[in-house]
Structure formats: structure tokens, C-alpha cells
Amino acid sequence: MTTTTKLKVQLVRSPIGTKQSHRDTVRGLGLRRVNSVSELEDTPAVRGMINKIAYLVKIL
């Protein structure tokens, strides 16, 4: 049985005033408001999304 690694991501800055694609990425990661936390599987797709909006989020 394989154990998948989880990442906890917290939104630390508001996406207001950012590009629409960045706002869509925030929503795609399951983050709603500032300080909300989402637990996601550690996949290349999720890593890419986090890298795209690295200035808005913090990995816990």
C-alpha cells in the first residue's frame, strides 16, 4: 500500500488585484479566504499550482 504525502497550504495574501488565472488557481487549490488552510496531495500538478501563486500562499 502506498502512502501519499499531504501538503498543507495556507492563503496568506488576498488574491484581489491579481491576475484572473491566479485567482482561479487559488480557488482550484480549495482556498477561499485569507488564512484558510487546504490539505492537498503532493503531486506535480499541485506543486505547479503552488509555485504559480507562491507569493500568495505559505506551506505549513
Protein backbone atom coordinates (compact mmCIF):
# COMPACT_ATOMS: atom_id res chain seq x y z
CA MET A 1 0.00 0.00 0.00
CA THR A 2 1.43 3.39 -0.97
CA THR A 3 1.13 6.37 1.36
CA THR A 4 0.62 9.67 -0.38
CA THR A 5 2.26 12.73 1.11
CA LYS A 6 -0.02 15.59 2.02
CA LEU A 7 0.73 19.30 1.81
CA LYS A 8 -1.00 21.91 3.95
CA VAL A 9 -1.30 25.22 2.13
CA GLN A 10 -2.47 28.47 3.74
CA LEU A 11 -3.60 31.58 1.87
CA VAL A 12 -1.69 34.48 3.46
CA ARG A 13 -2.40 37.29 0.99
CA SER A 14 -5.61 38.33 -0.71
CA PRO A 15 -5.88 37.46 -4.40
CA ILE A 16 -7.77 40.71 -5.05
CA GLY A 17 -5.88 42.72 -7.65
CA THR A 18 -4.04 39.71 -9.07
CA LYS A 19 -4.44 38.12 -12.49
CA GLN A 20 -7.64 36.18 -13.11
CA SER A 21 -5.66 32.99 -13.73
CA HIS A 22 -4.01 33.38 -10.30
CA ARG A 23 -7.39 33.87 -8.62
CA ASP A 24 -8.65 30.74 -10.40
CA THR A 25 -5.61 28.81 -9.17
CA VAL A 26 -6.31 29.88 -5.57
CA ARG A 27 -9.88 28.59 -5.89
CA GLY A 28 -8.64 25.42 -7.58
CA LEU A 29 -6.49 24.66 -4.55
CA GLY A 30 -9.59 24.91 -2.35
CA LEU A 31 -8.61 28.17 -0.67
CA ARG A 32 -11.45 30.56 0.00
CA ARG A 33 -10.41 33.43 2.25
CA VAL A 34 -7.22 34.74 3.83
CA ASN A 35 -5.82 32.31 6.44
CA SER A 36 -7.87 29.40 5.10
CA VAL A 37 -5.95 26.11 5.00
CA SER A 38 -6.28 23.30 2.48
CA GLU A 39 -4.72 19.84 2.70
CA LEU A 40 -3.72 18.55 -0.73
CA GLU A 41 -1.93 15.53 -2.16
CA ASP A 42 1.68 16.14 -3.16
CA THR A 43 1.50 15.75 -6.94
CA PRO A 44 3.39 17.57 -9.71
CA ALA A 45 0.16 19.34 -10.73
CA VAL A 46 -0.46 20.67 -7.22
CA ARG A 47 3.22 21.68 -6.89
CA GLY A 48 2.92 23.64 -10.13
CA MET A 49 -0.20 25.43 -8.90
CA ILE A 50 1.53 26.32 -5.62
CA ASN A 51 4.60 27.61 -7.50
CA LYS A 52 2.37 29.79 -9.68
CA ILE A 53 0.88 31.59 -6.68
CA ALA A 54 3.82 31.23 -4.27
CA TYR A 55 3.58 34.92 -3.33
CA LEU A 56 0.04 34.38 -2.00
CA VAL A 57 0.42 31.15 -0.04
CA LYS A 58 2.51 29.52 2.69
CA ILE A 59 3.18 25.80 3.03
CA LEU A 60 2.64 24.56 6.59
